[in-house]
C-alpha atoms as a PDB file:
ATOM      1  CA  MET A   1     -12.339  16.067 -18.939  1.00  0.00           C
ATOM      2  CA  THR A   2     -14.098  16.029 -15.587  1.00  0.00           C
ATOM      3  CA  VAL A   3     -16.331  13.090 -14.786  1.00  0.00           C
ATOM      4  CA  ASN A   4     -19.228  13.682 -12.457  1.00  0.00           C
ATOM      5  CA  MET A   5     -18.684  11.237  -9.583  1.00  0.00           C
ATOM      6  CA  MET A   6     -22.402  11.214  -8.815  1.00  0.00           C
ATOM      7  CA  ALA A   7     -23.191  10.012 -12.319  1.00  0.00           C
ATOM      8  CA  THR A   8     -24.214   6.423 -12.836  1.00  0.00           C
ATOM      9  CA  PRO A   9     -21.767   4.082 -14.549  1.00  0.00           C
ATOM     10  CA  LEU A  10     -23.836   4.266 -17.733  1.00  0.00           C
ATOM     11  CA  GLN A  11     -23.715   8.071 -17.680  1.00  0.00           C
ATOM     12  CA  GLN A  12     -19.950   7.971 -17.120  1.00  0.00           C
ATOM     13  CA  VAL A  13     -19.485   5.589 -20.059  1.00  0.00           C
ATOM     14  CA  LYS A  14     -21.574   7.829 -22.312  1.00  0.00           C
ATOM     15  CA  GLU A  15     -19.730  10.944 -21.139  1.00  0.00           C
ATOM     16  CA  ARG A  16     -16.201   9.544 -21.534  1.00  0.00           C
ATOM     17  CA  PHE A  17     -16.539   6.981 -24.342  1.00  0.00           C
ATOM     18  CA  GLU A  18     -19.987   7.581 -25.919  1.00  0.00           C
ATOM     19  CA  THR A  19     -20.727   3.823 -26.115  1.00  0.00           C
ATOM     20  CA  LYS A  20     -19.884   0.685 -24.186  1.00  0.00           C
ATOM     21  CA  GLY A  21     -18.320  -0.696 -27.366  1.00  0.00           C
ATOM     22  CA  ALA A  22     -15.846   2.185 -27.432  1.00  0.00           C
ATOM     23  CA  LEU A  23     -14.948   1.486 -23.799  1.00  0.00           C
ATOM     24  CA  VAL A  24     -14.390  -2.185 -24.614  1.00  0.00           C
ATOM     25  CA  LYS A  25     -12.140  -1.197 -27.550  1.00  0.00           C
ATOM     26  CA  ALA A  26     -10.179   1.152 -25.284  1.00  0.00           C
ATOM     27  CA  LEU A  27      -9.716  -1.685 -22.796  1.00  0.00           C
ATOM     28  CA  GLU A  28      -8.619  -4.069 -25.525  1.00  0.00           C
ATOM     29  CA  SER A  29      -6.004  -1.590 -26.718  1.00  0.00           C
ATOM     30  CA  LEU A  30      -4.755  -1.143 -23.132  1.00  0.00           C
ATOM     31  CA  SER A  31      -4.662  -4.889 -22.562  1.00  0.00           C
ATOM     32  CA  LYS A  32      -1.888  -5.291 -25.113  1.00  0.00           C
ATOM     33  CA  GLY A  33       1.643  -4.554 -24.031  1.00  0.00           C
ATOM     34  CA  GLY A  34       1.929  -6.571 -20.854  1.00  0.00           C
ATOM     35  CA  LEU A  35      -0.691  -4.874 -18.690  1.00  0.00           C
ATOM     36  CA  TRP A  36      -3.208  -7.654 -18.499  1.00  0.00           C
ATOM     37  CA  ILE A  37      -3.392 -11.402 -18.001  1.00  0.00           C
ATOM     38  CA  ASP A  38      -6.119 -12.736 -20.215  1.00  0.00           C
ATOM     39  CA  ARG A  39      -8.586 -14.686 -18.096  1.00  0.00           C
ATOM     40  CA  LEU A  40     -11.527 -13.632 -20.206  1.00  0.00           C
ATOM     41  CA  ASN A  41     -14.298 -16.038 -21.085  1.00  0.00           C
ATOM     42  CA  GLU A  42     -14.115 -16.101 -24.890  1.00  0.00           C
ATOM     43  CA  ASP A  43     -17.831 -16.914 -25.232  1.00  0.00           C
ATOM     44  CA  LYS A  44     -18.957 -13.883 -23.252  1.00  0.00           C
ATOM     45  CA  GLY A  45     -16.184 -11.324 -23.726  1.00  0.00           C
ATOM     46  CA  LEU A  46     -15.909  -7.880 -22.167  1.00  0.00           C
ATOM     47  CA  GLY A  47     -19.232  -6.777 -23.631  1.00  0.00           C
ATOM     48  CA  ARG A  48     -21.110  -8.597 -20.883  1.00  0.00           C
ATOM     49  CA  VAL A  49     -19.176  -7.126 -18.000  1.00  0.00           C
ATOM     50  CA  SER A  50     -20.884  -4.357 -16.040  1.00  0.00           C
ATOM     51  CA  ASN A  51     -20.101  -0.748 -16.865  1.00  0.00           C
ATOM     52  CA  ALA A  52     -18.824  -0.098 -13.338  1.00  0.00           C
ATOM     53  CA  LYS A  53     -16.321  -2.945 -13.555  1.00  0.00           C
ATOM     54  CA  LEU A  54     -15.192  -1.869 -17.016  1.00  0.00           C
ATOM     55  CA  LEU A  55     -14.666   1.721 -15.851  1.00  0.00           C
ATOM     56  CA  HIS A  56     -12.679   0.514 -12.837  1.00  0.00           C
ATOM     57  CA  LEU A  57     -10.549  -1.774 -14.998  1.00  0.00           C
ATOM     58  CA  HIS A  58      -9.896   1.027 -17.490  1.00  0.00           C
ATOM     59  CA  SER A  59      -8.883   3.384 -14.690  1.00  0.00           C
ATOM     60  CA  VAL A  60      -6.500   0.843 -13.144  1.00  0.00           C
ATOM     61  CA  LEU A  61      -4.899  -0.106 -16.461  1.00  0.00           C
ATOM     62  CA  GLU A  62      -4.393   3.546 -17.430  1.00  0.00           C
ATOM     63  CA  THR A  63      -2.823   4.326 -14.057  1.00  0.00           C
ATOM     64  CA  VAL A  64      -0.500   1.315 -14.126  1.00  0.00           C
ATOM     65  CA  LYS A  65       0.505   2.067 -17.721  1.00  0.00           C
ATOM     66  CA  ALA A  66       1.255   5.709 -16.908  1.00  0.00           C
ATOM     67  CA  ARG A  67       3.181   4.958 -13.733  1.00  0.00           C
ATOM     68  CA  PHE A  68       4.953   1.675 -14.543  1.00  0.00           C
ATOM     69  CA  GLY A  69       4.479   0.886 -18.227  1.00  0.00           C
ATOM     70  CA  LYS A  70       3.634  -2.798 -17.685  1.00  0.00           C
ATOM     71  CA  ARG A  71       2.708  -5.348 -15.028  1.00  0.00           C
ATOM     72  CA  ASP A  72       6.246  -6.663 -14.642  1.00  0.00           C
ATOM     73  CA  SER A  73       7.479  -3.240 -13.539  1.00  0.00           C
ATOM     74  CA  LEU A  74       4.643  -3.038 -11.010  1.00  0.00           C
ATOM     75  CA  ILE A  75       5.591  -6.469  -9.653  1.00  0.00           C
ATOM     76  CA  ASP A  76       9.250  -5.384  -9.474  1.00  0.00           C
ATOM     77  CA  GLU A  77       8.261  -2.300  -7.472  1.00  0.00           C
ATOM     78  CA  ILE A  78       6.162  -4.398  -5.066  1.00  0.00           C
ATOM     79  CA  LEU A  79       9.087  -6.755  -4.517  1.00  0.00           C
ATOM     80  CA  THR A  80      11.442  -3.805  -3.981  1.00  0.00           C
ATOM     81  CA  LEU A  81       9.133  -2.224  -1.402  1.00  0.00           C
ATOM     82  CA  GLU A  82       8.861  -5.561   0.401  1.00  0.00           C
ATOM     83  CA  LYS A  83      12.661  -5.997   0.154  1.00  0.00           C
ATOM     84  CA  ARG A  84      12.276  -9.374  -1.531  1.00  0.00           C
ATOM     85  CA  SER A  85      13.405  -8.537  -5.055  1.00  0.00           C
ATOM     86  CA  LYS A  86      15.558 -11.670  -5.365  1.00  0.00           C
ATOM     87  CA  ASP A  87      12.844 -14.118  -4.254  1.00  0.00           C
ATOM     88  CA  LYS A  88      11.783 -15.889  -7.463  1.00  0.00           C
ATOM     89  CA  ASP A  89       9.030 -17.964  -5.836  1.00  0.00           C
ATOM     90  CA  TYR A  90       7.486 -14.862  -4.294  1.00  0.00           C
ATOM     91  CA  ARG A  91       7.570 -13.171  -7.705  1.00  0.00           C
ATOM     92  CA  THR A  92       5.807 -16.171  -9.277  1.00  0.00           C
ATOM     93  CA  ARG A  93       2.999 -15.732  -6.761  1.00  0.00           C
ATOM     94  CA  PHE A  94       2.426 -12.144  -7.888  1.00  0.00           C
ATOM     95  CA  GLU A  95       2.581 -13.039 -11.580  1.00  0.00           C
ATOM     96  CA  ALA A  96      -0.637 -15.027 -11.136  1.00  0.00           C
ATOM     97  CA  TRP A  97      -2.491 -12.026  -9.694  1.00  0.00           C
ATOM     98  CA  SER A  98      -4.657  -9.745 -11.827  1.00  0.00           C
ATOM     99  CA  THR A  99      -3.493  -6.197 -12.503  1.00  0.00           C
ATOM    100  CA  PRO A 100      -6.214  -4.579 -10.325  1.00  0.00           C
ATOM    101  CA  ARG A 101      -5.255  -6.861  -7.433  1.00  0.00           C
ATOM    102  CA  LEU A 102      -1.575  -5.998  -7.881  1.00  0.00           C
ATOM    103  CA  TRP A 103      -2.420  -2.294  -7.980  1.00  0.00           C
ATOM    104  CA  ASP A 104      -4.456  -2.518  -4.752  1.00  0.00           C
ATOM    105  CA  HIS A 105      -1.633  -4.420  -3.053  1.00  0.00           C
ATOM    106  CA  PHE A 106       0.906  -1.840  -4.233  1.00  0.00           C
ATOM    107  CA  LYS A 107      -1.167   1.091  -2.932  1.00  0.00           C
ATOM    108  CA  ALA A 108      -1.587  -0.553   0.479  1.00  0.00           C
ATOM    109  CA  LEU A 109       2.104  -1.431   0.631  1.00  0.00           C
ATOM    110  CA  GLU A 110       3.151   2.077  -0.396  1.00  0.00           C
ATOM    111  CA  LYS A 111       0.914   3.531   2.302  1.00  0.00           C
ATOM    112  CA  ARG A 112       2.413   1.182   4.913  1.00  0.00           C
ATOM    113  CA  VAL A 113       5.972   2.089   3.906  1.00  0.00           C
ATOM    114  CA  ARG A 114       5.181   5.815   4.019  1.00  0.00           C
ATOM    115  CA  ALA A 115       3.621   5.469   7.481  1.00  0.00           C
ATOM    116  CA  ALA A 116       6.642   3.562   8.773  1.00  0.00           C
ATOM    117  CA  SER A 117       9.109   6.219   7.662  1.00  0.00           C
END
């Protein structure tokens, strides 16, 4: 399915998921299995988050799940690329980060490593 990049976030949600509720359900199903640290405000929930942020989060979680399976594997890969895989304190620092932040850090690190070689 091709998503029109010029479409508004609402149009993208309707095109890919039909409703915002379906997008929220898709995110909730992705959030299980070690991909997500739950920092969600229980009173508000995902239903109050903007469509653009929900689409970005869905994209990141799908990519991380397809490439690594879970957050811990992504953290392991970051530590391997930084050649600090045995540093437990450094790992603890990354465990507090959100999945989108980890993914952005990984992409930048991967780019740096590729440029250096």
